[in-house]
C-alpha atoms as a PDB file:
ATOM      1  CA  MET A   1     143.393 104.520 112.704  1.00  0.00           C
ATOM      2  CA  ASN A   2     144.791 106.505 115.588  1.00  0.00           C
ATOM      3  CA  ARG A   3     145.082 110.258 115.001  1.00  0.00           C
ATOM      4  CA  ASN A   4     147.949 111.531 117.162  1.00  0.00           C
ATOM      5  CA  GLU A   5     148.467 115.297 117.248  1.00  0.00           C
ATOM      6  CA  LYS A   6     152.057 114.841 118.477  1.00  0.00           C
ATOM      7  CA  VAL A   7     153.254 113.538 115.119  1.00  0.00           C
ATOM      8  CA  GLY A   8     152.395 116.544 112.956  1.00  0.00           C
ATOM      9  CA  GLY A   9     150.313 116.643 109.815  1.00  0.00           C
ATOM     10  CA  PRO A  10     147.117 118.557 109.024  1.00  0.00           C
ATOM     11  CA  LYS A  11     144.881 119.436 111.962  1.00  0.00           C
ATOM     12  CA  ASP A  12     141.755 119.257 109.764  1.00  0.00           C
ATOM     13  CA  ILE A  13     140.864 115.590 109.185  1.00  0.00           C
ATOM     14  CA  GLU A  14     139.273 116.546 105.834  1.00  0.00           C
ATOM     15  CA  SER A  15     142.767 117.523 104.611  1.00  0.00           C
ATOM     16  CA  LEU A  16     144.006 113.950 104.949  1.00  0.00           C
ATOM     17  CA  PHE A  17     144.105 111.554 102.002  1.00  0.00           C
ATOM     18  CA  SER A  18     142.291 108.216 101.948  1.00  0.00           C
ATOM     19  CA  ILE A  19     143.361 105.048 100.166  1.00  0.00           C
ATOM     20  CA  GLU A  20     140.345 105.461  97.870  1.00  0.00           C
ATOM     21  CA  GLU A  21     141.446 108.980  96.862  1.00  0.00           C
ATOM     22  CA  ILE A  22     144.960 107.773  96.086  1.00  0.00           C
ATOM     23  CA  GLN A  23     143.590 104.871  94.019  1.00  0.00           C
ATOM     24  CA  ALA A  24     141.394 107.280  92.041  1.00  0.00           C
ATOM     25  CA  ASP A  25     144.139 109.878  91.546  1.00  0.00           C
ATOM     26  CA  PHE A  26     146.635 107.251  90.351  1.00  0.00           C
ATOM     27  CA  ALA A  27     144.232 104.923  88.519  1.00  0.00           C
ATOM     28  CA  ASN A  28     146.570 104.631  85.526  1.00  0.00           C
ATOM     29  CA  TYR A  29     149.512 103.563  87.698  1.00  0.00           C
ATOM     30  CA  GLU A  30     150.595 100.033  88.495  1.00  0.00           C
ATOM     31  CA  VAL A  31     150.285  99.760  92.278  1.00  0.00           C
ATOM     32  CA  ILE A  32     153.442  98.327  93.779  1.00  0.00           C
ATOM     33  CA  GLU A  33     152.589  99.180  97.384  1.00  0.00           C
ATOM     34  CA  LEU A  34     149.493 100.775  98.913  1.00  0.00           C
ATOM     35  CA  GLU A  35     148.817 100.371 102.604  1.00  0.00           C
ATOM     36  CA  GLU A  36     147.447 102.265 105.569  1.00  0.00           C
ATOM     37  CA  LEU A  37     149.270 101.594 108.804  1.00  0.00           C
ATOM     38  CA  GLU A  38     150.464 103.034 112.079  1.00  0.00           C
ATOM     39  CA  VAL A  39     154.188 103.673 112.453  1.00  0.00           C
ATOM     40  CA  ASP A  40     156.266 104.758 115.422  1.00  0.00           C
ATOM     41  CA  LEU A  41     157.873 108.052 114.384  1.00  0.00           C
ATOM     42  CA  HIS A  42     161.052 109.556 115.862  1.00  0.00           C
ATOM     43  CA  GLU A  43     161.752 112.432 113.474  1.00  0.00           C
ATOM     44  CA  GLY A  44     162.538 115.535 115.489  1.00  0.00           C
ATOM     45  CA  LEU A  45     160.604 117.675 117.930  1.00  0.00           C
ATOM     46  CA  TYR A  46     157.194 117.584 116.221  1.00  0.00           C
ATOM     47  CA  HIS A  47     157.111 114.063 114.795  1.00  0.00           C
ATOM     48  CA  ASN A  48     157.268 111.653 117.733  1.00  0.00           C
ATOM     49  CA  GLY A  49     154.914 108.839 118.597  1.00  0.00           C
ATOM     50  CA  LEU A  50     152.453 106.619 116.820  1.00  0.00           C
ATOM     51  CA  GLY A  51     151.303 108.119 113.525  1.00  0.00           C
ATOM     52  CA  SER A  52     148.799 106.991 110.903  1.00  0.00           C
ATOM     53  CA  VAL A  53     150.249 106.940 107.394  1.00  0.00           C
ATOM     54  CA  ILE A  54     149.382 105.766 103.914  1.00  0.00           C
ATOM     55  CA  ARG A  55     152.322 104.460 101.930  1.00  0.00           C
ATOM     56  CA  PHE A  56     152.010 104.403  98.161  1.00  0.00           C
ATOM     57  CA  VAL A  57     154.510 103.321  95.552  1.00  0.00           C
ATOM     58  CA  GLY A  58     153.359 103.194  91.953  1.00  0.00           C
ATOM     59  CA  ARG A  59     154.753 102.919  88.451  1.00  0.00           C
ATOM     60  CA  LYS A  60     153.316 104.937  85.608  1.00  0.00           C
ATOM     61  CA  ARG A  61     152.004 102.668  82.853  1.00  0.00           C
END
């Protein structure tokens, strides 16, 4: 995934979550959506451009 400093977020890559960490942290949740993708952000001065995100939606069992 592309890491673009113009879209904000932690500067230390070790501070970022991975899909595997989210799966482990929410193991007792029904996963409705879990994906890693790049999105084009236009959210103010510090969040513009292509950003790498993980989207997670889950339901507690």
